[in-house]
Amino acid sequence: MAARRCTVSFSDPDGIAHAVTVQAETLYEAAVLALRAFREHQCAPGPAALLEVEVRGPSVVHKLTVSKVEDWLNSTCRSPREEITKERLKESLV
């Protein structure tokens, strides 16, 4: 699958909206890359925060919680490629 431009956003407890644009091949990759960017800018969402992921061209919007992303990162891999992807994404969050 080709990488696509994705905008990931969430609203913090004060009602402030945060968004970042990343290049990703999958929904979860976009979410993890966005979490890394939010953490780098000291505005990381909590585990229950709802992330909105808009995939561009054609535009599609997905919503998932941070805890769902973390569960996926820690789940059993279905293929060697998925294992490599998850390891790379886990390392990017450290």
C-alpha atoms as a PDB file:
ATOM      1  CA  MET A   1       0.000   0.000   0.000  1.00  0.00           C
ATOM      2  CA  ALA A   2       1.328   3.472  -0.843  1.00  0.00           C
ATOM      3  CA  ALA A   3       1.829   6.088   1.830  1.00  0.00           C
ATOM      4  CA  ARG A   4      -0.841   8.762   1.911  1.00  0.00           C
ATOM      5  CA  ARG A   5      -1.101  12.142   3.515  1.00  0.00           C
ATOM      6  CA  CYS A   6      -3.107  11.910   6.743  1.00  0.00           C
ATOM      7  CA  THR A   7      -4.241  14.591   9.172  1.00  0.00           C
ATOM      8  CA  VAL A   8      -4.641  13.331  12.740  1.00  0.00           C
ATOM      9  CA  SER A   9      -6.426  15.518  15.279  1.00  0.00           C
ATOM     10  CA  PHE A  10      -7.888  15.482  18.792  1.00  0.00           C
ATOM     11  CA  SER A  11      -9.314  17.940  21.330  1.00  0.00           C
ATOM     12  CA  ASP A  12      -7.682  18.200  24.747  1.00  0.00           C
ATOM     13  CA  PRO A  13      -9.645  18.468  28.037  1.00  0.00           C
ATOM     14  CA  ASP A  14      -9.606  22.281  27.714  1.00  0.00           C
ATOM     15  CA  GLY A  15     -11.334  22.048  24.342  1.00  0.00           C
ATOM     16  CA  ILE A  16      -8.230  23.011  22.368  1.00  0.00           C
ATOM     17  CA  ALA A  17      -7.955  21.175  19.042  1.00  0.00           C
ATOM     18  CA  HIS A  18      -4.564  19.780  17.990  1.00  0.00           C
ATOM     19  CA  ALA A  19      -3.716  18.414  14.529  1.00  0.00           C
ATOM     20  CA  VAL A  20      -0.694  17.120  12.658  1.00  0.00           C
ATOM     21  CA  THR A  21      -0.178  15.892   9.098  1.00  0.00           C
ATOM     22  CA  VAL A  22       1.853  12.711   8.529  1.00  0.00           C
ATOM     23  CA  GLN A  23       2.663  10.319   5.666  1.00  0.00           C
ATOM     24  CA  ALA A  24       1.471   6.781   6.453  1.00  0.00           C
ATOM     25  CA  GLU A  25       0.479   3.523   4.775  1.00  0.00           C
ATOM     26  CA  THR A  26      -2.121   2.456   7.368  1.00  0.00           C
ATOM     27  CA  LEU A  27      -4.566   3.953   9.843  1.00  0.00           C
ATOM     28  CA  TYR A  28      -2.556   2.752  12.838  1.00  0.00           C
ATOM     29  CA  GLU A  29       0.742   3.949  11.401  1.00  0.00           C
ATOM     30  CA  ALA A  30      -0.782   7.415  10.968  1.00  0.00           C
ATOM     31  CA  ALA A  31      -2.023   7.344  14.572  1.00  0.00           C
ATOM     32  CA  VAL A  32       1.369   6.284  15.977  1.00  0.00           C
ATOM     33  CA  LEU A  33       3.301   8.863  13.942  1.00  0.00           C
ATOM     34  CA  ALA A  34       0.869  11.540  15.119  1.00  0.00           C
ATOM     35  CA  LEU A  35       1.249  10.451  18.759  1.00  0.00           C
ATOM     36  CA  ARG A  36       5.008  10.837  18.397  1.00  0.00           C
ATOM     37  CA  ALA A  37       4.583  14.345  16.960  1.00  0.00           C
ATOM     38  CA  PHE A  38       2.115  15.372  19.677  1.00  0.00           C
ATOM     39  CA  ARG A  39       4.521  14.104  22.365  1.00  0.00           C
ATOM     40  CA  GLU A  40       7.411  16.015  20.794  1.00  0.00           C
ATOM     41  CA  HIS A  41       5.321  19.185  21.110  1.00  0.00           C
ATOM     42  CA  GLN A  42       4.189  18.462  24.697  1.00  0.00           C
ATOM     43  CA  CYS A  43       0.525  18.111  23.770  1.00  0.00           C
ATOM     44  CA  ALA A  44       0.111  14.329  23.886  1.00  0.00           C
ATOM     45  CA  PRO A  45      -3.449  13.036  24.217  1.00  0.00           C
ATOM     46  CA  GLY A  46      -4.432  10.700  27.049  1.00  0.00           C
ATOM     47  CA  PRO A  47      -5.405   7.039  26.508  1.00  0.00           C
ATOM     48  CA  ALA A  48      -9.130   7.810  26.231  1.00  0.00           C
ATOM     49  CA  ALA A  49      -8.659  10.682  23.772  1.00  0.00           C
ATOM     50  CA  LEU A  50     -10.462  10.229  20.477  1.00  0.00           C
ATOM     51  CA  LEU A  51      -8.156  10.605  17.489  1.00  0.00           C
ATOM     52  CA  GLU A  52      -9.653  11.632  14.186  1.00  0.00           C
ATOM     53  CA  VAL A  53      -7.620  10.429  11.200  1.00  0.00           C
ATOM     54  CA  GLU A  54      -8.386  11.952   7.822  1.00  0.00           C
ATOM     55  CA  VAL A  55      -6.784  10.119   4.899  1.00  0.00           C
ATOM     56  CA  ARG A  56      -6.396  12.339   1.853  1.00  0.00           C
ATOM     57  CA  GLY A  57      -6.980  11.552  -1.796  1.00  0.00           C
ATOM     58  CA  PRO A  58      -9.820  10.615  -1.715  1.00  0.00           C
ATOM     59  CA  SER A  59     -10.556  11.890   1.771  1.00  0.00           C
ATOM     60  CA  VAL A  60     -11.683   9.320   4.362  1.00  0.00           C
ATOM     61  CA  VAL A  61     -12.069   9.987   8.111  1.00  0.00           C
ATOM     62  CA  HIS A  62     -11.546   7.397  10.893  1.00  0.00           C
ATOM     63  CA  LYS A  63     -11.908   7.852  14.675  1.00  0.00           C
ATOM     64  CA  LEU A  64     -10.167   5.712  17.305  1.00  0.00           C
ATOM     65  CA  THR A  65      -8.943   6.112  20.875  1.00  0.00           C
ATOM     66  CA  VAL A  66      -5.289   6.299  21.882  1.00  0.00           C
ATOM     67  CA  SER A  67      -5.742   3.143  23.970  1.00  0.00           C
ATOM     68  CA  LYS A  68      -6.956   1.320  20.833  1.00  0.00           C
ATOM     69  CA  VAL A  69      -3.731   2.351  19.046  1.00  0.00           C
ATOM     70  CA  GLU A  70      -1.628   1.145  21.996  1.00  0.00           C
ATOM     71  CA  ASP A  71      -3.534  -2.156  22.079  1.00  0.00           C
ATOM     72  CA  TRP A  72      -2.822  -2.650  18.370  1.00  0.00           C
ATOM     73  CA  LEU A  73       0.889  -1.918  18.850  1.00  0.00           C
ATOM     74  CA  ASN A  74       1.063  -4.587  21.578  1.00  0.00           C
ATOM     75  CA  SER A  75      -1.113  -7.195  19.835  1.00  0.00           C
ATOM     76  CA  THR A  76       0.067 -10.333  18.062  1.00  0.00           C
ATOM     77  CA  CYS A  77       1.388  -9.748  14.564  1.00  0.00           C
ATOM     78  CA  ARG A  78      -0.308 -11.451  11.630  1.00  0.00           C
ATOM     79  CA  SER A  79       2.684 -11.317   9.301  1.00  0.00           C
ATOM     80  CA  PRO A  80       6.430 -10.624   9.313  1.00  0.00           C
ATOM     81  CA  ARG A  81       5.769  -7.304   7.581  1.00  0.00           C
ATOM     82  CA  GLU A  82       3.323  -6.267  10.315  1.00  0.00           C
ATOM     83  CA  GLU A  83       5.889  -7.259  12.959  1.00  0.00           C
ATOM     84  CA  ILE A  84       8.542  -5.064  11.324  1.00  0.00           C
ATOM     85  CA  THR A  85       6.096  -2.169  11.048  1.00  0.00           C
ATOM     86  CA  LYS A  86       5.015  -2.442  14.688  1.00  0.00           C
ATOM     87  CA  GLU A  87       8.613  -2.617  15.928  1.00  0.00           C
ATOM     88  CA  ARG A  88       9.542   0.460  13.887  1.00  0.00           C
ATOM     89  CA  LEU A  89       6.530   2.354  15.191  1.00  0.00           C
ATOM     90  CA  LYS A  90       7.162   1.307  18.824  1.00  0.00           C
ATOM     91  CA  GLU A  91      10.737   2.559  18.530  1.00  0.00           C
ATOM     92  CA  SER A  92       9.498   5.869  17.158  1.00  0.00           C
ATOM     93  CA  LEU A  93       7.484   6.455  20.350  1.00  0.00           C
ATOM     94  CA  VAL A  94      10.448   5.971  22.707  1.00  0.00           C
END
